[in-house]
N, C-alpha and C. Protein backbone atom coordinates (compact mmCIF):
# COMPACT_ATOMS: atom_id res chain seq x y z
N MET A 1 -28.40 23.62 5.22
CA MET A 1 -27.80 22.53 4.44
C MET A 1 -27.06 23.11 3.24
N THR A 2 -25.82 22.70 3.07
CA THR A 2 -25.03 23.21 1.96
C THR A 2 -25.40 22.48 0.68
N SER A 3 -24.90 23.00 -0.44
CA SER A 3 -25.15 22.37 -1.73
C SER A 3 -24.55 20.97 -1.77
N ASN A 4 -23.39 20.80 -1.10
CA ASN A 4 -22.76 19.47 -1.06
C ASN A 4 -23.60 18.48 -0.28
N ASP A 5 -24.21 18.95 0.84
CA ASP A 5 -25.09 18.08 1.63
C ASP A 5 -26.29 17.66 0.80
N THR A 6 -26.84 18.59 0.01
CA THR A 6 -27.99 18.29 -0.83
C THR A 6 -27.62 17.25 -1.89
N LEU A 7 -26.45 17.40 -2.46
CA LEU A 7 -26.00 16.48 -3.49
C LEU A 7 -25.86 15.07 -2.94
N MET A 8 -25.27 14.92 -1.73
CA MET A 8 -25.00 13.61 -1.19
C MET A 8 -26.21 12.98 -0.53
N SER A 9 -27.30 13.72 -0.35
CA SER A 9 -28.50 13.13 0.24
C SER A 9 -29.13 12.12 -0.71
N ALA A 10 -28.87 12.26 -2.00
CA ALA A 10 -29.34 11.29 -2.99
C ALA A 10 -28.13 10.60 -3.58
N ARG A 11 -27.91 9.35 -3.18
CA ARG A 11 -26.73 8.64 -3.62
C ARG A 11 -26.78 8.32 -5.10
N PRO A 12 -25.62 8.34 -5.79
CA PRO A 12 -25.60 7.96 -7.20
C PRO A 12 -26.10 6.53 -7.40
N ARG A 13 -26.64 6.29 -8.56
CA ARG A 13 -27.20 4.97 -8.86
C ARG A 13 -26.13 3.90 -8.81
N ARG A 14 -26.44 2.76 -8.19
CA ARG A 14 -25.54 1.62 -8.14
C ARG A 14 -25.64 0.83 -9.45
N VAL A 15 -24.50 0.55 -10.06
CA VAL A 15 -24.46 -0.19 -11.31
C VAL A 15 -24.03 -1.62 -11.01
N SER A 16 -24.71 -2.59 -11.54
CA SER A 16 -24.39 -4.00 -11.30
C SER A 16 -23.13 -4.40 -12.06
N TYR A 17 -22.55 -5.52 -11.65
CA TYR A 17 -21.36 -6.03 -12.34
C TYR A 17 -21.69 -6.35 -13.80
N GLU A 18 -22.89 -6.87 -14.03
CA GLU A 18 -23.31 -7.19 -15.40
C GLU A 18 -23.36 -5.93 -16.26
N GLU A 19 -23.84 -4.83 -15.68
CA GLU A 19 -23.89 -3.57 -16.43
C GLU A 19 -22.49 -3.04 -16.70
N VAL A 20 -21.60 -3.21 -15.71
CA VAL A 20 -20.21 -2.79 -15.91
C VAL A 20 -19.60 -3.55 -17.08
N ARG A 21 -19.79 -4.86 -17.10
CA ARG A 21 -19.24 -5.68 -18.18
C ARG A 21 -19.83 -5.28 -19.53
N ALA A 22 -21.10 -4.96 -19.53
CA ALA A 22 -21.75 -4.55 -20.79
C ALA A 22 -21.14 -3.27 -21.33
N ARG A 23 -20.69 -2.40 -20.44
CA ARG A 23 -20.12 -1.12 -20.86
C ARG A 23 -18.65 -1.25 -21.28
N ILE A 24 -17.86 -2.00 -20.50
CA ILE A 24 -16.42 -2.02 -20.76
C ILE A 24 -15.98 -3.21 -21.59
N GLY A 25 -16.83 -4.22 -21.71
CA GLY A 25 -16.46 -5.39 -22.50
C GLY A 25 -15.58 -6.36 -21.72
N GLU A 26 -15.09 -7.38 -22.41
CA GLU A 26 -14.26 -8.41 -21.81
C GLU A 26 -12.77 -8.18 -22.12
N PRO A 27 -11.88 -8.55 -21.21
CA PRO A 27 -10.44 -8.39 -21.48
C PRO A 27 -9.97 -9.37 -22.55
N GLU A 28 -8.94 -9.00 -23.26
CA GLU A 28 -8.38 -9.88 -24.27
C GLU A 28 -7.67 -11.06 -23.60
N ASP A 29 -7.54 -12.15 -24.33
CA ASP A 29 -6.89 -13.35 -23.79
C ASP A 29 -5.47 -13.04 -23.32
N MET A 30 -4.77 -12.13 -24.01
CA MET A 30 -3.40 -11.78 -23.63
C MET A 30 -3.37 -11.16 -22.24
N ILE A 31 -4.40 -10.37 -21.91
CA ILE A 31 -4.47 -9.73 -20.60
C ILE A 31 -4.70 -10.79 -19.52
N ARG A 32 -5.60 -11.72 -19.78
CA ARG A 32 -5.86 -12.79 -18.81
C ARG A 32 -4.60 -13.63 -18.58
N ALA A 33 -3.82 -13.82 -19.64
CA ALA A 33 -2.65 -14.71 -19.56
C ALA A 33 -1.52 -14.14 -18.71
N LYS A 34 -1.57 -12.84 -18.39
CA LYS A 34 -0.48 -12.24 -17.62
C LYS A 34 -0.56 -12.58 -16.14
N VAL A 35 -1.71 -13.10 -15.69
CA VAL A 35 -1.90 -13.41 -14.27
C VAL A 35 -1.33 -14.79 -13.97
N HIS A 36 -0.39 -14.85 -13.05
CA HIS A 36 0.26 -16.11 -12.67
C HIS A 36 -0.01 -16.42 -11.21
N ASP A 37 0.26 -17.65 -10.81
CA ASP A 37 0.02 -18.06 -9.43
C ASP A 37 1.31 -18.16 -8.62
N ARG A 38 2.35 -17.51 -9.10
CA ARG A 38 3.64 -17.56 -8.42
C ARG A 38 4.48 -16.35 -8.82
N ILE A 39 5.58 -16.15 -8.09
CA ILE A 39 6.52 -15.07 -8.39
C ILE A 39 7.60 -15.63 -9.32
N ASP A 40 7.59 -15.22 -10.58
CA ASP A 40 8.62 -15.70 -11.50
C ASP A 40 9.86 -14.82 -11.38
N ARG A 41 10.86 -15.04 -12.25
CA ARG A 41 12.12 -14.30 -12.13
C ARG A 41 11.94 -12.81 -12.38
N HIS A 42 10.97 -12.44 -13.22
CA HIS A 42 10.73 -11.02 -13.48
C HIS A 42 10.09 -10.36 -12.27
N GLY A 43 9.13 -11.06 -11.66
CA GLY A 43 8.50 -10.54 -10.45
C GLY A 43 9.48 -10.44 -9.29
N HIS A 44 10.33 -11.47 -9.18
CA HIS A 44 11.34 -11.48 -8.12
C HIS A 44 12.26 -10.26 -8.24
N ARG A 45 12.68 -9.99 -9.46
CA ARG A 45 13.59 -8.85 -9.68
C ARG A 45 12.88 -7.53 -9.41
N PHE A 46 11.62 -7.42 -9.80
CA PHE A 46 10.86 -6.19 -9.56
C PHE A 46 10.75 -5.93 -8.06
N ILE A 47 10.37 -6.95 -7.30
CA ILE A 47 10.22 -6.80 -5.85
C ILE A 47 11.55 -6.45 -5.20
N ALA A 48 12.64 -7.02 -5.71
CA ALA A 48 13.97 -6.73 -5.17
C ALA A 48 14.40 -5.28 -5.40
N HIS A 49 13.76 -4.59 -6.34
CA HIS A 49 14.09 -3.20 -6.64
C HIS A 49 13.05 -2.22 -6.09
N SER A 50 12.00 -2.73 -5.48
CA SER A 50 10.91 -1.86 -5.03
C SER A 50 11.12 -1.40 -3.58
N PRO A 51 11.08 -0.07 -3.33
CA PRO A 51 11.20 0.45 -1.97
C PRO A 51 9.83 0.78 -1.34
N PHE A 52 8.75 0.51 -2.08
CA PHE A 52 7.42 0.92 -1.59
C PHE A 52 6.36 -0.08 -2.05
N VAL A 53 5.46 -0.43 -1.12
CA VAL A 53 4.33 -1.29 -1.46
C VAL A 53 3.09 -0.78 -0.72
N ALA A 54 1.97 -0.74 -1.41
CA ALA A 54 0.68 -0.44 -0.79
C ALA A 54 0.05 -1.78 -0.43
N MET A 55 -0.36 -1.94 0.82
CA MET A 55 -0.88 -3.21 1.31
C MET A 55 -2.33 -3.07 1.72
N ALA A 56 -3.22 -3.79 1.04
CA ALA A 56 -4.65 -3.71 1.30
C ALA A 56 -5.13 -4.95 2.04
N THR A 57 -5.89 -4.72 3.12
CA THR A 57 -6.52 -5.79 3.87
C THR A 57 -7.94 -5.36 4.19
N SER A 58 -8.76 -6.26 4.74
CA SER A 58 -10.11 -5.88 5.15
C SER A 58 -10.51 -6.74 6.34
N ASP A 59 -11.45 -6.22 7.14
CA ASP A 59 -11.88 -6.96 8.32
C ASP A 59 -12.97 -7.97 7.97
N ALA A 60 -13.53 -8.59 8.97
CA ALA A 60 -14.52 -9.64 8.75
C ALA A 60 -15.78 -9.12 8.07
N HIS A 61 -16.04 -7.82 8.19
CA HIS A 61 -17.23 -7.22 7.58
C HIS A 61 -16.94 -6.64 6.20
N GLY A 62 -15.71 -6.74 5.75
CA GLY A 62 -15.36 -6.22 4.44
C GLY A 62 -14.90 -4.79 4.44
N LEU A 63 -14.78 -4.16 5.62
CA LEU A 63 -14.29 -2.78 5.67
C LEU A 63 -12.80 -2.79 5.33
N PRO A 64 -12.39 -2.10 4.25
CA PRO A 64 -11.00 -2.19 3.80
C PRO A 64 -10.07 -1.19 4.47
N ASP A 65 -8.79 -1.49 4.36
CA ASP A 65 -7.75 -0.60 4.82
C ASP A 65 -6.57 -0.75 3.87
N CYS A 66 -5.93 0.35 3.51
CA CYS A 66 -4.76 0.31 2.64
C CYS A 66 -3.61 1.00 3.36
N SER A 67 -2.54 0.25 3.61
CA SER A 67 -1.44 0.75 4.42
C SER A 67 -0.18 0.89 3.57
N PRO A 68 0.49 2.06 3.59
CA PRO A 68 1.76 2.20 2.86
C PRO A 68 2.89 1.57 3.64
N ARG A 69 3.76 0.84 2.96
CA ARG A 69 4.94 0.23 3.58
C ARG A 69 6.15 0.57 2.73
N GLY A 70 7.22 1.01 3.37
CA GLY A 70 8.41 1.39 2.60
C GLY A 70 9.69 1.21 3.37
N ASP A 71 10.76 0.98 2.65
CA ASP A 71 12.10 0.83 3.22
C ASP A 71 13.09 0.80 2.06
N TYR A 72 14.29 0.33 2.32
CA TYR A 72 15.26 0.23 1.24
C TYR A 72 14.75 -0.74 0.16
N PRO A 73 15.12 -0.53 -1.10
CA PRO A 73 14.69 -1.45 -2.16
C PRO A 73 14.95 -2.91 -1.79
N GLY A 74 13.93 -3.73 -2.00
CA GLY A 74 14.05 -5.15 -1.67
C GLY A 74 13.72 -5.47 -0.23
N PHE A 75 13.10 -4.52 0.50
CA PHE A 75 12.78 -4.80 1.90
C PHE A 75 11.75 -5.92 2.04
N VAL A 76 10.90 -6.09 1.02
CA VAL A 76 10.01 -7.25 0.99
C VAL A 76 10.81 -8.41 0.40
N LYS A 77 10.81 -9.52 1.09
CA LYS A 77 11.63 -10.67 0.70
C LYS A 77 10.79 -11.75 0.01
N VAL A 78 11.34 -12.29 -1.07
CA VAL A 78 10.74 -13.44 -1.73
C VAL A 78 11.35 -14.68 -1.08
N LEU A 79 10.58 -15.37 -0.25
CA LEU A 79 11.08 -16.56 0.43
C LEU A 79 11.13 -17.75 -0.52
N ASP A 80 10.14 -17.83 -1.39
CA ASP A 80 10.14 -18.78 -2.49
C ASP A 80 9.12 -18.28 -3.50
N GLU A 81 8.90 -19.00 -4.58
CA GLU A 81 8.06 -18.48 -5.65
C GLU A 81 6.59 -18.30 -5.27
N ARG A 82 6.18 -18.84 -4.14
CA ARG A 82 4.80 -18.69 -3.69
C ARG A 82 4.68 -17.99 -2.34
N THR A 83 5.79 -17.46 -1.83
CA THR A 83 5.76 -16.88 -0.49
C THR A 83 6.59 -15.61 -0.40
N LEU A 84 6.00 -14.56 0.16
CA LEU A 84 6.68 -13.29 0.42
C LEU A 84 6.69 -13.03 1.93
N ALA A 85 7.60 -12.17 2.38
CA ALA A 85 7.62 -11.73 3.77
C ALA A 85 7.82 -10.22 3.81
N ILE A 86 6.94 -9.53 4.54
CA ILE A 86 6.98 -8.08 4.66
C ILE A 86 7.33 -7.71 6.10
N PRO A 87 8.43 -6.99 6.33
CA PRO A 87 8.78 -6.62 7.71
C PRO A 87 7.81 -5.59 8.27
N ASP A 88 7.57 -5.67 9.57
CA ASP A 88 6.76 -4.66 10.24
C ASP A 88 7.69 -3.72 10.98
N ARG A 89 7.80 -2.48 10.49
CA ARG A 89 8.66 -1.48 11.10
C ARG A 89 7.87 -0.66 12.12
N PRO A 90 8.54 0.05 13.05
CA PRO A 90 7.84 0.88 14.02
C PRO A 90 6.93 1.89 13.34
N GLY A 91 5.71 2.03 13.87
CA GLY A 91 4.73 2.95 13.30
C GLY A 91 3.84 3.53 14.38
N ASN A 92 2.56 3.72 14.03
CA ASN A 92 1.64 4.36 14.97
C ASN A 92 1.00 3.39 15.96
N LYS A 93 1.28 2.11 15.84
CA LYS A 93 0.81 1.06 16.76
C LYS A 93 -0.69 0.80 16.70
N LEU A 94 -1.37 1.34 15.68
CA LEU A 94 -2.79 1.04 15.54
C LEU A 94 -3.00 -0.43 15.14
N ALA A 95 -2.05 -0.99 14.40
CA ALA A 95 -2.08 -2.41 14.01
C ALA A 95 -3.35 -2.78 13.24
N ASP A 96 -3.82 -1.86 12.39
CA ASP A 96 -5.03 -2.13 11.61
C ASP A 96 -4.87 -3.35 10.72
N SER A 97 -3.72 -3.47 10.07
CA SER A 97 -3.51 -4.60 9.17
C SER A 97 -3.50 -5.92 9.93
N PHE A 98 -2.85 -5.95 11.08
CA PHE A 98 -2.82 -7.17 11.88
C PHE A 98 -4.22 -7.55 12.37
N ARG A 99 -4.99 -6.56 12.79
CA ARG A 99 -6.35 -6.83 13.23
C ARG A 99 -7.18 -7.41 12.09
N ASN A 100 -7.04 -6.81 10.91
CA ASN A 100 -7.78 -7.31 9.76
C ASN A 100 -7.39 -8.74 9.41
N LEU A 101 -6.10 -9.02 9.40
CA LEU A 101 -5.64 -10.36 9.03
C LEU A 101 -6.10 -11.41 10.03
N ALA A 102 -6.31 -11.02 11.28
CA ALA A 102 -6.83 -11.95 12.28
C ALA A 102 -8.27 -12.34 11.97
N GLU A 103 -8.99 -11.46 11.24
CA GLU A 103 -10.39 -11.72 10.91
C GLU A 103 -10.58 -12.21 9.48
N ASN A 104 -9.68 -11.78 8.60
CA ASN A 104 -9.82 -12.08 7.17
C ASN A 104 -8.40 -12.11 6.59
N ASP A 105 -7.95 -13.26 6.14
CA ASP A 105 -6.54 -13.37 5.73
C ASP A 105 -6.26 -12.92 4.30
N GLY A 106 -7.26 -12.38 3.61
CA GLY A 106 -7.04 -11.88 2.26
C GLY A 106 -6.15 -10.64 2.25
N ILE A 107 -5.28 -10.53 1.24
CA ILE A 107 -4.36 -9.39 1.16
C ILE A 107 -4.10 -9.05 -0.30
N GLY A 108 -3.93 -7.76 -0.58
CA GLY A 108 -3.56 -7.29 -1.91
C GLY A 108 -2.37 -6.35 -1.81
N LEU A 109 -1.37 -6.53 -2.65
CA LEU A 109 -0.16 -5.71 -2.63
C LEU A 109 0.05 -5.04 -3.97
N MET A 110 0.57 -3.82 -3.95
CA MET A 110 0.97 -3.13 -5.17
C MET A 110 2.37 -2.57 -4.98
N PHE A 111 3.33 -3.15 -5.70
CA PHE A 111 4.73 -2.73 -5.61
C PHE A 111 5.01 -1.62 -6.62
N VAL A 112 5.76 -0.61 -6.15
CA VAL A 112 6.09 0.55 -6.98
C VAL A 112 7.60 0.76 -6.98
N ILE A 113 8.15 1.11 -8.14
CA ILE A 113 9.55 1.49 -8.27
C ILE A 113 9.60 2.93 -8.78
N PRO A 114 10.26 3.84 -8.08
CA PRO A 114 10.33 5.24 -8.53
C PRO A 114 10.83 5.35 -9.96
N GLY A 115 10.11 6.14 -10.74
CA GLY A 115 10.49 6.38 -12.12
C GLY A 115 9.96 5.36 -13.11
N MET A 116 9.40 4.26 -12.62
CA MET A 116 8.88 3.22 -13.51
C MET A 116 7.37 3.35 -13.60
N ARG A 117 6.83 3.26 -14.79
CA ARG A 117 5.40 3.46 -14.99
C ARG A 117 4.58 2.25 -14.60
N GLU A 118 5.11 1.04 -14.84
CA GLU A 118 4.37 -0.17 -14.52
C GLU A 118 4.52 -0.51 -13.03
N VAL A 119 3.51 -1.16 -12.47
CA VAL A 119 3.57 -1.62 -11.09
C VAL A 119 3.35 -3.14 -11.09
N MET A 120 3.64 -3.75 -9.97
CA MET A 120 3.40 -5.19 -9.83
C MET A 120 2.38 -5.41 -8.72
N ARG A 121 1.41 -6.28 -9.02
CA ARG A 121 0.36 -6.57 -8.05
C ARG A 121 0.43 -8.03 -7.62
N VAL A 122 0.21 -8.26 -6.35
CA VAL A 122 0.19 -9.61 -5.78
C VAL A 122 -1.03 -9.72 -4.87
N ASN A 123 -1.81 -10.77 -5.06
CA ASN A 123 -2.96 -11.05 -4.20
C ASN A 123 -2.80 -12.43 -3.57
N GLY A 124 -3.30 -12.57 -2.37
CA GLY A 124 -3.18 -13.87 -1.73
C GLY A 124 -3.73 -13.88 -0.33
N HIS A 125 -3.14 -14.72 0.52
CA HIS A 125 -3.54 -14.85 1.92
C HIS A 125 -2.31 -14.59 2.79
N ALA A 126 -2.54 -14.05 4.00
CA ALA A 126 -1.39 -13.63 4.81
C ALA A 126 -1.64 -13.86 6.29
N TYR A 127 -0.52 -13.91 7.02
CA TYR A 127 -0.58 -14.04 8.48
C TYR A 127 0.72 -13.48 9.06
N PRO A 128 0.70 -13.03 10.33
CA PRO A 128 1.92 -12.53 10.96
C PRO A 128 2.78 -13.68 11.50
N THR A 129 4.10 -13.44 11.57
CA THR A 129 5.01 -14.43 12.13
C THR A 129 6.10 -13.75 12.93
N ASP A 130 6.65 -14.49 13.90
CA ASP A 130 7.85 -14.05 14.63
C ASP A 130 8.97 -15.06 14.44
N GLU A 131 8.89 -15.83 13.36
CA GLU A 131 9.89 -16.85 13.07
C GLU A 131 11.27 -16.20 12.97
N PRO A 132 12.24 -16.61 13.82
CA PRO A 132 13.55 -15.95 13.84
C PRO A 132 14.27 -15.96 12.50
N ASP A 133 14.18 -17.07 11.76
CA ASP A 133 14.87 -17.14 10.47
C ASP A 133 14.32 -16.12 9.48
N VAL A 134 13.02 -15.88 9.54
CA VAL A 134 12.40 -14.89 8.66
C VAL A 134 12.78 -13.48 9.10
N LEU A 135 12.70 -13.22 10.40
CA LEU A 135 13.02 -11.89 10.90
C LEU A 135 14.48 -11.53 10.66
N ALA A 136 15.36 -12.52 10.67
CA ALA A 136 16.78 -12.25 10.42
C ALA A 136 16.99 -11.68 9.03
N ARG A 137 16.15 -12.06 8.08
CA ARG A 137 16.28 -11.54 6.71
C ARG A 137 15.72 -10.13 6.59
N MET A 138 15.00 -9.67 7.62
CA MET A 138 14.41 -8.34 7.62
C MET A 138 15.34 -7.29 8.21
N ARG A 139 16.47 -7.70 8.76
CA ARG A 139 17.37 -6.80 9.47
C ARG A 139 17.92 -5.72 8.54
N THR A 140 17.82 -4.45 8.98
CA THR A 140 18.29 -3.32 8.19
C THR A 140 19.05 -2.36 9.08
N GLU A 141 20.29 -2.05 8.70
CA GLU A 141 21.13 -1.12 9.45
C GLU A 141 21.16 -1.47 10.94
N GLY A 142 21.27 -2.74 11.24
CA GLY A 142 21.35 -3.17 12.63
C GLY A 142 20.03 -3.17 13.36
N LYS A 143 18.93 -2.90 12.66
CA LYS A 143 17.62 -2.85 13.30
C LYS A 143 16.82 -4.09 12.90
N ASP A 144 16.22 -4.72 13.90
CA ASP A 144 15.43 -5.92 13.66
C ASP A 144 13.96 -5.57 13.51
N ALA A 145 13.24 -6.41 12.79
CA ALA A 145 11.79 -6.31 12.72
C ALA A 145 11.22 -7.20 13.83
N GLN A 146 10.24 -6.70 14.57
CA GLN A 146 9.63 -7.49 15.63
C GLN A 146 8.72 -8.57 15.07
N LEU A 147 8.11 -8.26 13.95
CA LEU A 147 7.18 -9.18 13.30
C LEU A 147 7.33 -9.06 11.79
N ALA A 148 6.82 -10.03 11.09
CA ALA A 148 6.74 -9.97 9.63
C ALA A 148 5.39 -10.51 9.21
N ILE A 149 4.95 -10.09 8.05
CA ILE A 149 3.71 -10.60 7.47
C ILE A 149 4.08 -11.53 6.33
N VAL A 150 3.68 -12.78 6.46
CA VAL A 150 3.95 -13.79 5.44
C VAL A 150 2.77 -13.81 4.47
N VAL A 151 3.08 -13.70 3.18
CA VAL A 151 2.04 -13.67 2.14
C VAL A 151 2.15 -14.94 1.30
N GLU A 152 1.06 -15.69 1.25
CA GLU A 152 0.98 -16.87 0.39
C GLU A 152 0.36 -16.43 -0.93
N VAL A 153 1.13 -16.46 -1.99
CA VAL A 153 0.75 -15.89 -3.28
C VAL A 153 -0.31 -16.73 -3.98
N VAL A 154 -1.38 -16.07 -4.42
CA VAL A 154 -2.42 -16.70 -5.25
C VAL A 154 -2.37 -16.14 -6.66
N GLU A 155 -2.17 -14.81 -6.76
CA GLU A 155 -2.07 -14.14 -8.07
C GLU A 155 -0.90 -13.17 -8.06
N ALA A 156 -0.19 -13.10 -9.16
CA ALA A 156 0.90 -12.14 -9.32
C ALA A 156 0.93 -11.69 -10.77
N PHE A 157 0.96 -10.37 -10.99
CA PHE A 157 0.98 -9.87 -12.37
C PHE A 157 1.41 -8.42 -12.41
N PHE A 158 1.89 -8.02 -13.58
CA PHE A 158 2.27 -6.63 -13.81
C PHE A 158 1.06 -5.85 -14.33
N HIS A 159 0.95 -4.60 -13.87
CA HIS A 159 -0.15 -3.72 -14.27
C HIS A 159 0.41 -2.60 -15.13
N CYS A 160 -0.24 -2.33 -16.24
CA CYS A 160 0.26 -1.34 -17.19
C CYS A 160 0.37 0.05 -16.58
N GLY A 161 1.09 0.94 -17.24
CA GLY A 161 1.43 2.24 -16.68
C GLY A 161 0.45 3.36 -16.93
N ARG A 162 -0.77 3.06 -17.38
CA ARG A 162 -1.71 4.15 -17.71
C ARG A 162 -1.98 5.07 -16.52
N ALA A 163 -2.20 4.50 -15.34
CA ALA A 163 -2.55 5.32 -14.18
C ALA A 163 -1.40 6.25 -13.80
N LEU A 164 -0.16 5.74 -13.79
CA LEU A 164 0.97 6.57 -13.42
C LEU A 164 1.29 7.60 -14.48
N ILE A 165 1.01 7.27 -15.74
CA ILE A 165 1.21 8.25 -16.81
C ILE A 165 0.18 9.37 -16.68
N ARG A 166 -1.09 9.00 -16.48
CA ARG A 166 -2.14 10.01 -16.37
C ARG A 166 -1.94 10.90 -15.14
N SER A 167 -1.45 10.31 -14.05
CA SER A 167 -1.26 11.08 -12.82
C SER A 167 -0.03 11.96 -12.86
N ARG A 168 0.86 11.71 -13.86
CA ARG A 168 2.13 12.44 -13.95
C ARG A 168 2.92 12.30 -12.63
N LEU A 169 2.84 11.12 -12.04
CA LEU A 169 3.41 10.90 -10.71
C LEU A 169 4.91 11.17 -10.67
N TRP A 170 5.63 10.80 -11.72
CA TRP A 170 7.08 10.97 -11.70
C TRP A 170 7.54 12.29 -12.34
N ASP A 171 6.61 13.14 -12.71
CA ASP A 171 6.96 14.46 -13.25
C ASP A 171 7.33 15.38 -12.10
N PRO A 172 8.56 15.92 -12.05
CA PRO A 172 8.97 16.79 -10.94
C PRO A 172 8.02 17.96 -10.72
N ALA A 173 7.37 18.42 -11.79
CA ALA A 173 6.45 19.54 -11.65
C ALA A 173 5.26 19.19 -10.76
N SER A 174 4.93 17.90 -10.67
CA SER A 174 3.80 17.48 -9.85
C SER A 174 4.05 17.70 -8.36
N GLN A 175 5.32 17.80 -7.96
CA GLN A 175 5.62 18.01 -6.55
C GLN A 175 5.14 19.37 -6.05
N ALA A 176 4.90 20.29 -6.98
CA ALA A 176 4.41 21.61 -6.59
C ALA A 176 3.02 21.53 -5.97
N LEU A 177 2.29 20.45 -6.24
CA LEU A 177 0.95 20.30 -5.67
C LEU A 177 0.98 20.28 -4.14
N ALA A 178 2.07 19.75 -3.56
CA ALA A 178 2.17 19.66 -2.10
C ALA A 178 2.18 21.03 -1.44
N ALA A 179 2.68 22.03 -2.16
CA ALA A 179 2.76 23.38 -1.59
C ALA A 179 1.39 24.02 -1.41
N GLU A 180 0.38 23.45 -2.07
CA GLU A 180 -0.97 24.01 -1.99
C GLU A 180 -1.73 23.49 -0.78
N LEU A 181 -1.16 22.55 -0.04
CA LEU A 181 -1.85 21.92 1.08
C LEU A 181 -1.34 22.44 2.42
N PRO A 182 -2.18 22.37 3.48
CA PRO A 182 -1.69 22.72 4.81
C PRO A 182 -0.67 21.69 5.28
N SER A 183 0.14 22.06 6.25
CA SER A 183 1.15 21.14 6.78
C SER A 183 0.48 20.05 7.61
N ALA A 184 1.23 18.96 7.86
CA ALA A 184 0.69 17.88 8.69
C ALA A 184 0.36 18.38 10.09
N GLY A 185 1.17 19.33 10.60
CA GLY A 185 0.89 19.91 11.91
C GLY A 185 -0.41 20.68 11.94
N GLU A 186 -0.66 21.46 10.89
CA GLU A 186 -1.90 22.23 10.81
C GLU A 186 -3.12 21.32 10.72
N VAL A 187 -2.99 20.25 9.95
CA VAL A 187 -4.10 19.29 9.84
C VAL A 187 -4.38 18.63 11.18
N ALA A 188 -3.32 18.21 11.89
CA ALA A 188 -3.49 17.53 13.18
C ALA A 188 -4.15 18.44 14.20
N VAL A 189 -3.73 19.70 14.27
CA VAL A 189 -4.31 20.66 15.22
C VAL A 189 -5.80 20.84 14.93
N ASP A 190 -6.15 20.94 13.66
CA ASP A 190 -7.54 21.14 13.28
C ASP A 190 -8.39 19.90 13.55
N GLN A 191 -7.92 18.75 13.13
CA GLN A 191 -8.71 17.53 13.24
C GLN A 191 -8.87 17.04 14.69
N MET A 192 -7.82 17.23 15.49
CA MET A 192 -7.86 16.74 16.87
C MET A 192 -8.21 17.82 17.89
N GLY A 193 -8.45 19.05 17.41
CA GLY A 193 -8.85 20.13 18.31
C GLY A 193 -7.79 20.47 19.34
N LEU A 194 -6.52 20.45 18.93
CA LEU A 194 -5.43 20.68 19.86
C LEU A 194 -5.15 22.17 20.05
N ASP A 195 -4.78 22.54 21.26
CA ASP A 195 -4.41 23.93 21.55
C ASP A 195 -2.89 24.00 21.59
N VAL A 196 -2.28 23.93 20.43
CA VAL A 196 -0.83 23.91 20.33
C VAL A 196 -0.42 24.51 19.00
N ASP A 197 0.74 25.09 18.96
CA ASP A 197 1.26 25.66 17.73
C ASP A 197 1.55 24.52 16.74
N PRO A 198 1.00 24.58 15.52
CA PRO A 198 1.26 23.52 14.54
C PRO A 198 2.74 23.29 14.28
N ALA A 199 3.56 24.35 14.43
CA ALA A 199 5.00 24.22 14.20
C ALA A 199 5.63 23.25 15.19
N VAL A 200 5.07 23.18 16.42
CA VAL A 200 5.59 22.26 17.42
C VAL A 200 5.40 20.82 16.95
N LEU A 201 4.22 20.53 16.44
CA LEU A 201 3.96 19.19 15.92
C LEU A 201 4.82 18.88 14.70
N GLU A 202 5.03 19.89 13.87
CA GLU A 202 5.88 19.69 12.70
C GLU A 202 7.30 19.32 13.12
N ASN A 203 7.82 19.99 14.14
CA ASN A 203 9.17 19.69 14.61
C ASN A 203 9.24 18.28 15.20
N MET A 204 8.19 17.89 15.93
CA MET A 204 8.16 16.53 16.51
C MET A 204 8.15 15.49 15.39
N LEU A 205 7.39 15.77 14.35
CA LEU A 205 7.30 14.83 13.24
C LEU A 205 8.63 14.72 12.50
N GLU A 206 9.27 15.87 12.28
CA GLU A 206 10.56 15.86 11.59
C GLU A 206 11.61 15.12 12.40
N THR A 207 11.57 15.28 13.72
CA THR A 207 12.51 14.56 14.59
C THR A 207 12.30 13.06 14.47
N ALA A 208 11.04 12.64 14.46
CA ALA A 208 10.72 11.21 14.32
C ALA A 208 11.17 10.69 12.96
N TYR A 209 11.00 11.50 11.92
CA TYR A 209 11.43 11.08 10.58
C TYR A 209 12.95 10.91 10.51
N ARG A 210 13.69 11.82 11.14
CA ARG A 210 15.15 11.76 11.09
C ARG A 210 15.68 10.49 11.76
N GLN A 211 14.92 9.95 12.71
CA GLN A 211 15.35 8.75 13.40
C GLN A 211 15.26 7.51 12.51
N LEU A 212 14.59 7.65 11.36
CA LEU A 212 14.47 6.54 10.44
C LEU A 212 15.74 6.34 9.63
N TYR A 213 16.61 7.34 9.58
CA TYR A 213 17.78 7.28 8.71
C TYR A 213 19.07 7.26 9.50
């Protein structure tokens, strides 16, 4: 047994929500007031400039999943102040998000704009659609979306930039961290036990990526 195995055999103490509140205190009224139940003009403009959103869902048992979604800025459409539509682009076909939404319609979104420290968060309920009028708005470079995820907004608010500042996410020097990691091909060969040159997988992946543009 390694030292790490020994450490994890005794789980850290679980802290109750009441204990958490006792430690961190209550938010100021100004912080509570930033949460709205609709997409206002500022939120609409932010979403129209965002090329990336992290989408969180969970299944009937509460097991969560967070899926990255990205395209040209504004790929997520504001249908009205209480409704968003997210196109489903070709991917790995696991359909984890769709499976989760079939069991639990709760959804959480975090919109990001490159170079901007603040993010926008939206929480609500969601379901898939093949409505032609909605899919027509998802069309990009002559490519149609087969499905879209419709989000009924319950909460929408901006989140301060502390996390992105601390992470130095937009600092070009931070990109050097990627050089310290194995390639995606090397990871795949190791994790899946494949008898293939990692460079072959890397070339396949790069070819698939080029087809996106």
